[in-house]
Amino acid sequence: MSNRLDDSALANSTEQAAWNETDPQARRRHVAELRAVGSAQVLTDAPEEVRDQQIMNSLAYQLEPMRSRDGLTARTRTIPRPGPHQVVVRVRAASIDRRDIMLMEGTYPVPAEPGVVPLASGVGEVIALGNGVTRAAVGDRVTGTYFLGWIDGPQTQALSWRQYGANHDGWLAEHIVLEEDSVVHVPGHLTDAEAATLTCAGLVAWAGLTKPVPVGAGQTVLTVGSGVVGLFAVQHATMLGARVVSITSSAEKAERLRRLGADEIVDRTRTPDWEQAVLDLTDGLGADHVIDAVGPLTLPKSLAAAAYNAQVTLIGAFPGPAGQPSADPLGGKYLAIRRVAVGSRTDFEAMNRAIAEHGARPVIDQVFPFDRAVDAFRHFTEGDPFGKVVITVP
């Protein structure tokens, strides 16, 4: 059962309300009218089940990509019904992530489907269960996953494609349908507003610090950027017992970062060579974990500030200054940046066992006798070899 807005359910809806920034008061009035109309459409002389369906109307925003904020429109719809292994949630709060802006602008790797309900982050109360649901109960306060179907293990390209707020209706609505395996219960001490922030920014910062190798107590974590992901990274790293060095752009932000738990703050406006400052703060060693929440523009400095055998995670996707292109050195791929020094003996022995087990053979391009060693080097640099260049010794 699809959780996209059903056009047939909208056939008798009122006119859609454009998100018109030139007249915000009119926009708010129209949204209020949509909500009032939705709750008042009751046929008093109709059968009870028809009256129940008529009164059960809900408001949702839809997105038409490539139109910026003008692409948001409000519509009424009937409250969705859950299919097997689905739940309906009465939304209590939702939050905007940078990804949502990119979806509006058409710059996100996964394009937004026209008419999708946006936002991947939100929280609400379960009000209806489909057949077979066991992971949630009516009344539970829950949020949802960012991706549909990614439960554990490594992510695949196929799993990365299905996303709430992109090609499955998201949280900018009064009601949302979640797949049962997308349901996540939220910490009880959080307010709805706080709980609505976790799905994207909170989780990506956590994943950056705990995968593939979790940060250890006493290690140094460098956070680059003080957007929401950077802030979560400071909080998470502090919880994990790390020493936190943060890069920011003002004294005010520096003080807030300190209150969140950052041990050292470098103001990049005062210290443009902040990578050197990080090295100085770590006695020349650099940071063990780097969370770059800005993007390719700061990646070179992040790499320079990283320790030997550090783990660098690039999360941010902020563009560079106007007129200054910032090429993506990763080609748009999500991957871990590591540099290794060959391997240990244990690694060597393990490799040899695998080669023996599989009967593998190294590729040899050409073999040169000892007295032609110079020719061997020339071939290596000028001959475009395919495989190893070997010199035999008599």
Protein backbone atom coordinates (compact mmCIF):
# COMPACT_ATOMS: atom_id res chain seq x y z
CA MET A 1 0.00 0.00 0.00
CA SER A 2 1.48 3.32 -1.05
CA ASN A 3 1.93 6.11 1.47
CA ARG A 4 1.96 8.81 -1.21
CA LEU A 5 -0.93 11.27 -1.36
CA ASP A 6 -3.71 9.71 -3.42
CA ASP A 7 -5.02 12.10 -6.08
CA SER A 8 -8.41 10.42 -5.95
CA ALA A 9 -8.64 11.23 -2.26
CA LEU A 10 -8.03 14.86 -3.14
CA ALA A 11 -10.71 15.09 -5.80
CA ASN A 12 -13.17 16.91 -3.54
CA SER A 13 -10.55 18.94 -1.69
CA THR A 14 -10.48 22.70 -1.61
CA GLU A 15 -8.13 24.66 -3.85
CA GLN A 16 -4.47 24.11 -3.01
CA ALA A 17 -2.74 26.92 -1.16
CA ALA A 18 0.55 28.06 -2.67
CA TRP A 19 3.41 28.85 -0.34
CA ASN A 20 3.50 32.50 -1.34
CA GLU A 21 6.15 34.38 0.60
CA THR A 22 4.83 37.74 -0.58
CA ASP A 23 1.66 37.32 1.49
CA PRO A 24 2.37 35.16 4.55
CA GLN A 25 -0.80 36.24 6.35
CA ALA A 26 -2.95 35.10 3.44
CA ARG A 27 -1.03 31.83 3.40
CA ARG A 28 -1.72 31.24 7.09
CA ARG A 29 -5.40 32.10 6.65
CA HIS A 30 -5.73 29.68 3.75
CA VAL A 31 -4.08 26.86 5.67
CA ALA A 32 -6.41 27.52 8.60
CA GLU A 33 -9.37 27.44 6.21
CA LEU A 34 -8.19 24.14 4.77
CA ARG A 35 -8.01 22.67 8.24
CA ALA A 36 -11.43 24.03 9.19
CA VAL A 37 -13.03 22.78 5.99
CA GLY A 38 -11.45 19.38 6.49
CA SER A 39 -12.93 19.02 9.97
CA ALA A 40 -16.34 20.42 8.98
CA GLN A 41 -17.08 18.31 5.91
CA VAL A 42 -19.71 16.10 7.54
CA LEU A 43 -22.80 14.84 5.76
CA THR A 44 -25.28 14.70 8.63
CA ASP A 45 -27.80 12.67 6.66
CA ALA A 46 -25.24 10.16 5.42
CA PRO A 47 -24.63 6.70 6.90
CA GLU A 48 -22.37 6.60 9.94
CA GLU A 49 -19.41 5.07 8.11
CA VAL A 50 -19.61 7.82 5.48
CA ARG A 51 -19.75 10.51 8.16
CA ASP A 52 -16.71 8.95 9.81
CA GLN A 53 -14.78 9.09 6.54
CA GLN A 54 -15.90 12.64 5.79
CA ILE A 55 -14.80 14.04 9.13
CA MET A 56 -11.48 12.26 9.02
CA ASN A 57 -9.62 14.80 6.92
CA SER A 58 -6.00 15.82 7.32
CA LEU A 59 -3.71 18.56 6.07
CA ALA A 60 -0.44 17.88 4.27
CA TYR A 61 2.11 19.87 2.33
CA GLN A 62 3.32 18.71 -1.03
CA LEU A 63 6.51 19.63 -2.84
CA GLU A 64 7.03 20.51 -6.47
CA PRO A 65 10.82 20.43 -6.86
CA MET A 66 12.86 23.08 -8.67
CA ARG A 67 10.55 25.87 -7.46
CA SER A 68 12.21 26.59 -4.12
CA ARG A 69 9.74 27.52 -1.38
CA ASP A 70 7.10 28.38 -3.98
CA GLY A 71 6.95 24.66 -4.66
CA LEU A 72 5.24 23.94 -1.33
CA THR A 73 1.47 23.66 -1.43
CA ALA A 74 -1.09 22.67 1.18
CA ARG A 75 -3.90 20.20 0.54
CA THR A 76 -6.50 18.38 2.53
CA ARG A 77 -6.75 14.63 2.24
CA THR A 78 -8.47 11.85 4.07
CA ILE A 79 -6.47 10.43 6.93
CA PRO A 80 -4.47 7.58 5.44
CA ARG A 81 -5.28 4.01 6.40
CA PRO A 82 -2.46 1.57 7.20
CA GLY A 83 -1.78 -1.41 5.01
CA PRO A 84 -0.26 -4.64 6.28
CA HIS A 85 2.80 -3.98 8.43
CA GLN A 86 2.23 -0.22 8.35
CA VAL A 87 1.33 2.28 11.08
CA VAL A 88 -0.38 5.67 10.91
CA VAL A 89 1.19 8.35 13.07
CA ARG A 90 -0.38 11.60 14.18
CA VAL A 91 2.52 13.96 13.63
CA ARG A 92 3.55 16.08 16.60
CA ALA A 93 6.64 17.80 15.27
CA ALA A 94 8.95 17.76 12.25
CA SER A 95 12.25 19.41 11.49
CA ILE A 96 14.07 20.63 8.38
CA ASP A 97 17.43 19.27 7.32
CA ARG A 98 19.70 20.69 4.66
CA ARG A 99 18.79 17.71 2.55
CA ASP A 100 15.25 19.02 2.33
CA ILE A 101 16.49 22.30 0.83
CA MET A 102 18.55 20.36 -1.67
CA LEU A 103 15.46 18.38 -2.65
CA MET A 104 13.65 21.65 -3.26
CA GLU A 105 16.45 22.97 -5.40
CA GLY A 106 17.01 19.77 -7.30
CA THR A 107 20.60 19.37 -6.05
CA TYR A 108 20.10 16.26 -3.92
CA PRO A 109 21.40 12.96 -5.36
CA VAL A 110 17.93 11.42 -5.09
CA PRO A 111 15.34 13.60 -6.87
CA ALA A 112 12.11 14.51 -5.14
CA GLU A 113 9.00 13.05 -6.70
CA PRO A 114 6.54 15.80 -7.66
CA GLY A 115 3.82 16.05 -5.05
CA VAL A 116 5.72 14.24 -2.30
CA VAL A 117 5.16 15.30 1.31
CA PRO A 118 8.60 16.61 2.39
CA LEU A 119 10.79 16.19 5.50
CA ALA A 120 12.47 13.06 6.81
CA SER A 121 12.63 14.07 10.47
CA GLY A 122 9.62 14.12 12.76
CA VAL A 123 7.84 12.58 15.72
CA GLY A 124 4.27 11.67 16.58
CA GLU A 125 1.84 9.26 18.18
CA VAL A 126 0.74 5.97 16.64
CA ILE A 127 -3.02 6.06 16.04
CA ALA A 128 -3.63 3.05 13.79
CA LEU A 129 -2.00 -0.30 13.04
CA GLY A 130 -2.12 -2.43 9.94
CA ASN A 131 -2.40 -6.20 9.99
CA GLY A 132 0.61 -8.02 11.38
CA VAL A 133 2.21 -5.07 13.19
CA THR A 134 4.13 -6.14 16.30
CA ARG A 135 6.78 -3.43 16.72
CA ALA A 136 4.40 -0.63 17.77
CA ALA A 137 1.17 -0.11 19.66
CA VAL A 138 -1.48 2.57 19.52
CA GLY A 139 -0.35 5.44 21.73
CA ASP A 140 3.39 4.90 21.22
CA ARG A 141 5.48 8.01 20.57
CA VAL A 142 7.70 7.29 17.61
CA THR A 143 9.85 8.69 14.87
CA GLY A 144 10.89 6.99 11.64
CA THR A 145 14.01 5.98 9.80
CA TYR A 146 15.48 8.11 7.04
CA PHE A 147 15.62 5.22 4.58
CA LEU A 148 13.02 2.53 4.00
CA GLY A 149 14.25 -1.01 4.44
CA TRP A 150 17.80 -0.43 5.76
CA ILE A 151 17.75 -2.38 9.02
CA ASP A 152 21.35 -3.37 9.60
CA GLY A 153 24.61 -4.12 7.87
CA PRO A 154 26.18 -2.16 5.05
CA GLN A 155 24.08 0.12 2.96
CA THR A 156 23.55 -0.65 -0.70
CA GLN A 157 22.73 1.68 -3.55
CA ALA A 158 19.28 0.16 -3.76
CA LEU A 159 18.64 0.83 -0.08
CA SER A 160 19.86 4.39 -0.39
CA TRP A 161 17.21 5.26 -2.97
CA ARG A 162 14.02 4.86 -0.91
CA GLN A 163 13.65 7.84 1.42
CA TYR A 164 10.90 9.51 3.38
CA GLY A 165 10.35 13.05 2.16
CA ALA A 166 11.89 12.32 -1.24
CA ASN A 167 9.97 9.50 -2.89
CA HIS A 168 7.81 8.42 0.06
CA ASP A 169 5.62 10.89 1.92
CA GLY A 170 7.39 12.54 4.84
CA TRP A 171 6.56 14.39 8.03
CA LEU A 172 5.27 17.79 6.85
CA ALA A 173 1.70 16.65 7.39
CA GLU A 174 -0.76 16.00 10.14
CA HIS A 175 -0.48 12.27 9.53
CA ILE A 176 2.20 10.01 8.10
CA VAL A 177 2.22 6.33 7.15
CA LEU A 178 5.35 4.48 8.25
CA GLU A 179 6.42 1.00 7.34
CA GLU A 180 6.57 -1.08 10.48
CA ASP A 181 10.30 -1.68 10.14
CA SER A 182 10.82 2.09 9.94
CA VAL A 183 9.35 2.72 13.38
CA VAL A 184 11.78 3.97 16.05
CA HIS A 185 10.69 4.76 19.60
CA VAL A 186 12.08 8.03 20.95
CA PRO A 187 13.68 8.76 24.35
CA GLY A 188 10.98 9.51 26.88
CA HIS A 189 12.70 12.57 28.39
CA LEU A 190 12.73 14.51 25.11
CA THR A 191 10.06 16.98 24.12
CA ASP A 192 8.37 16.43 20.78
CA ALA A 193 10.44 19.25 19.28
CA GLU A 194 13.64 17.67 20.49
CA ALA A 195 12.66 14.19 19.37
CA ALA A 196 11.84 15.49 15.89
CA THR A 197 15.49 16.36 15.25
CA LEU A 198 17.01 12.91 15.51
CA THR A 199 16.35 11.10 12.25
CA CYS A 200 18.80 12.88 9.97
CA ALA A 201 21.25 15.21 11.68
CA GLY A 202 21.46 13.35 14.97
CA LEU A 203 21.88 9.96 13.40
CA VAL A 204 24.41 10.93 10.75
CA ALA A 205 26.65 12.48 13.40
CA TRP A 206 26.35 9.33 15.51
CA ALA A 207 27.15 7.05 12.58
CA GLY A 208 30.18 9.16 11.74
CA LEU A 209 31.57 8.64 15.23
CA THR A 210 30.74 4.98 15.72
CA LYS A 211 31.28 3.36 12.31
CA PRO A 212 33.25 1.58 11.07
CA VAL A 213 35.42 1.94 14.21
CA PRO A 214 33.86 3.72 17.19
CA VAL A 215 35.65 6.60 18.82
CA GLY A 216 37.31 5.59 22.06
CA ALA A 217 37.54 7.36 25.38
CA GLY A 218 40.47 9.77 25.42
CA GLN A 219 40.74 10.03 21.66
CA THR A 220 40.58 13.43 19.98
CA VAL A 221 37.58 14.22 17.80
CA LEU A 222 37.68 17.22 15.47
CA THR A 223 34.34 18.68 14.42
CA VAL A 224 34.38 21.08 11.46
CA GLY A 225 31.36 23.33 11.22
CA SER A 226 28.81 24.38 13.76
CA GLY A 227 25.63 23.52 11.91
CA VAL A 228 23.26 21.03 13.43
CA VAL A 229 25.31 18.00 12.42
CA GLY A 230 28.42 19.56 13.94
CA LEU A 231 26.57 20.25 17.15
CA PHE A 232 25.30 16.69 17.41
CA ALA A 233 28.85 15.51 16.75
CA VAL A 234 30.13 17.54 19.71
CA GLN A 235 27.45 16.11 21.98
CA HIS A 236 27.90 12.54 20.83
CA ALA A 237 31.70 12.68 21.04
CA THR A 238 31.47 14.05 24.55
CA MET A 239 29.13 11.22 25.56
CA LEU A 240 31.63 8.74 24.18
CA GLY A 241 34.39 10.19 26.34
CA ALA A 242 36.43 11.86 23.61
CA ARG A 243 38.34 15.09 23.74
CA VAL A 244 36.58 17.45 21.33
CA VAL A 245 38.18 20.19 19.23
CA SER A 246 35.69 22.25 17.24
CA ILE A 247 36.11 24.65 14.33
CA THR A 248 33.63 27.51 14.16
CA SER A 249 33.30 31.06 12.87
CA SER A 250 32.50 33.39 15.78
CA ALA A 251 33.10 33.96 19.47
CA GLU A 252 29.40 33.50 20.18
CA LYS A 253 29.30 30.11 18.52
CA ALA A 254 32.52 29.17 20.29
CA GLU A 255 30.95 29.80 23.67
CA ARG A 256 27.89 27.72 22.77
CA LEU A 257 30.08 24.89 21.59
CA ARG A 258 31.97 25.03 24.85
CA ARG A 259 28.73 24.69 26.76
CA LEU A 260 27.83 21.66 24.66
CA GLY A 261 31.06 19.98 25.71
CA ALA A 262 33.79 21.06 23.26
CA ASP A 263 37.15 21.14 25.02
CA GLU A 264 38.94 23.37 22.52
CA ILE A 265 37.49 25.77 19.95
CA VAL A 266 39.27 27.38 17.01
CA ASP A 267 37.68 30.41 15.37
CA ARG A 268 38.50 30.09 11.69
CA THR A 269 37.90 33.81 11.10
CA ARG A 270 40.73 34.60 13.48
CA THR A 271 42.81 31.57 12.63
CA PRO A 272 42.47 30.83 8.91
CA ASP A 273 45.12 28.09 9.16
CA TRP A 274 43.00 26.20 11.64
CA GLU A 275 44.43 22.86 10.61
CA GLN A 276 47.78 23.96 12.06
CA ALA A 277 46.02 25.07 15.24
CA VAL A 278 44.55 21.58 15.60
CA LEU A 279 48.00 20.07 15.21
CA ASP A 280 49.35 22.45 17.86
CA LEU A 281 46.55 21.49 20.25
CA THR A 282 47.38 17.81 19.80
CA ASP A 283 51.16 18.12 20.14
CA GLY A 284 51.55 17.66 16.41
CA LEU A 285 49.64 14.39 16.32
CA GLY A 286 46.32 15.54 14.85
CA ALA A 287 42.78 14.35 15.50
CA ASP A 288 41.91 10.66 15.69
CA HIS A 289 38.41 11.18 14.29
CA VAL A 290 37.33 14.04 12.05
CA ILE A 291 33.70 14.91 11.38
CA ASP A 292 33.64 17.41 8.53
CA ALA A 293 30.12 18.80 8.54
CA VAL A 294 30.86 21.51 5.97
CA GLY A 295 31.82 19.66 2.82
CA PRO A 296 34.44 19.44 0.07
CA LEU A 297 35.44 23.07 0.63
CA THR A 298 37.02 22.25 4.01
CA LEU A 299 38.08 18.68 3.31
CA PRO A 300 41.75 19.51 2.49
CA LYS A 301 42.20 21.22 5.85
CA SER A 302 40.35 18.41 7.63
CA LEU A 303 42.76 15.91 6.12
CA ALA A 304 45.73 18.04 7.12
CA ALA A 305 44.44 18.16 10.72
CA ALA A 306 43.93 14.40 10.94
CA ALA A 307 46.23 12.10 12.86
CA TYR A 308 48.17 9.18 11.49
CA ASN A 309 45.66 6.39 10.82
CA ALA A 310 42.78 8.74 11.56
CA GLN A 311 39.20 8.22 10.49
CA VAL A 312 37.82 11.13 8.45
CA THR A 313 34.10 11.34 7.77
CA LEU A 314 32.77 13.87 5.29
CA ILE A 315 29.14 14.67 6.06
CA GLY A 316 28.50 18.25 4.98
CA ALA A 317 27.26 19.38 1.59
CA PHE A 318 27.45 23.15 1.92
CA PRO A 319 28.36 25.03 -1.26
CA GLY A 320 31.37 27.28 -1.51
CA PRO A 321 31.19 31.08 -1.73
CA ALA A 322 29.34 32.54 -4.70
CA GLY A 323 31.46 32.41 -7.82
CA GLN A 324 33.93 29.98 -6.29
CA PRO A 325 33.47 26.44 -7.58
CA SER A 326 34.13 23.64 -5.11
CA ALA A 327 34.71 20.35 -6.85
CA ASP A 328 33.71 17.23 -4.98
CA PRO A 329 36.88 15.09 -4.71
CA LEU A 330 34.74 12.06 -3.87
CA GLY A 331 32.62 12.25 -7.00
CA GLY A 332 29.42 12.34 -4.95
CA LYS A 333 30.10 8.98 -3.29
CA TYR A 334 29.73 8.37 0.43
CA LEU A 335 32.87 6.65 1.66
CA ALA A 336 35.41 6.58 4.46
CA ILE A 337 38.73 8.28 3.85
CA ARG A 338 41.63 6.31 5.30
CA ARG A 339 45.31 5.98 4.55
CA VAL A 340 47.00 2.76 5.66
CA ALA A 341 50.68 1.78 5.98
CA VAL A 342 50.73 -1.59 4.21
CA GLY A 343 49.74 -4.07 6.95
CA SER A 344 50.96 -6.13 9.86
CA ARG A 345 52.40 -9.60 9.83
CA THR A 346 49.10 -10.97 10.88
CA ASP A 347 47.59 -9.23 7.87
CA PHE A 348 50.28 -10.70 5.64
CA GLU A 349 49.70 -14.21 6.97
CA ALA A 350 45.97 -13.88 6.54
CA MET A 351 46.43 -12.73 2.96
CA ASN A 352 48.69 -15.64 2.19
CA ARG A 353 46.20 -18.13 3.60
CA ALA A 354 43.53 -16.68 1.36
CA ILE A 355 45.76 -16.82 -1.73
CA ALA A 356 46.60 -20.44 -1.02
CA GLU A 357 43.00 -21.40 -0.38
CA HIS A 358 41.78 -19.87 -3.63
CA GLY A 359 44.74 -20.71 -5.82
CA ALA A 360 45.08 -17.07 -6.85
CA ARG A 361 47.98 -15.91 -8.99
CA PRO A 362 49.46 -12.41 -9.14
CA VAL A 363 49.43 -10.69 -12.53
CA ILE A 364 52.85 -10.24 -14.13
CA ASP A 365 53.30 -7.75 -16.96
CA GLN A 366 56.91 -8.41 -17.98
CA VAL A 367 60.07 -10.04 -16.63
CA PHE A 368 63.51 -8.47 -17.14
CA PRO A 369 66.89 -10.07 -16.49
CA PHE A 370 69.11 -8.54 -13.88
CA ASP A 371 71.40 -6.91 -16.44
CA ARG A 372 68.46 -5.02 -17.87
CA ALA A 373 67.30 -3.49 -14.64
CA VAL A 374 67.37 0.03 -16.13
CA ASP A 375 65.09 -1.15 -18.91
CA ALA A 376 62.76 -2.55 -16.30
CA PHE A 377 62.46 0.86 -14.61
CA ARG A 378 61.93 2.58 -17.96
CA HIS A 379 59.16 0.15 -18.81
CA PHE A 380 57.52 0.76 -15.47
CA THR A 381 57.43 4.56 -15.95
CA GLU A 382 56.87 4.74 -19.70
CA GLY A 383 55.45 1.43 -20.79
CA ASP A 384 52.02 1.51 -19.11
CA PRO A 385 52.43 -1.94 -17.58
CA PHE A 386 49.46 -4.11 -16.68
CA GLY A 387 50.55 -6.02 -13.61
CA LYS A 388 53.89 -6.31 -11.90
CA VAL A 389 57.22 -5.55 -13.55
CA VAL A 390 59.71 -8.15 -12.37
CA ILE A 391 63.50 -8.30 -12.39
CA THR A 392 65.07 -11.72 -12.13
CA VAL A 393 68.42 -12.27 -10.40
CA PRO A 394 70.66 -15.14 -11.66
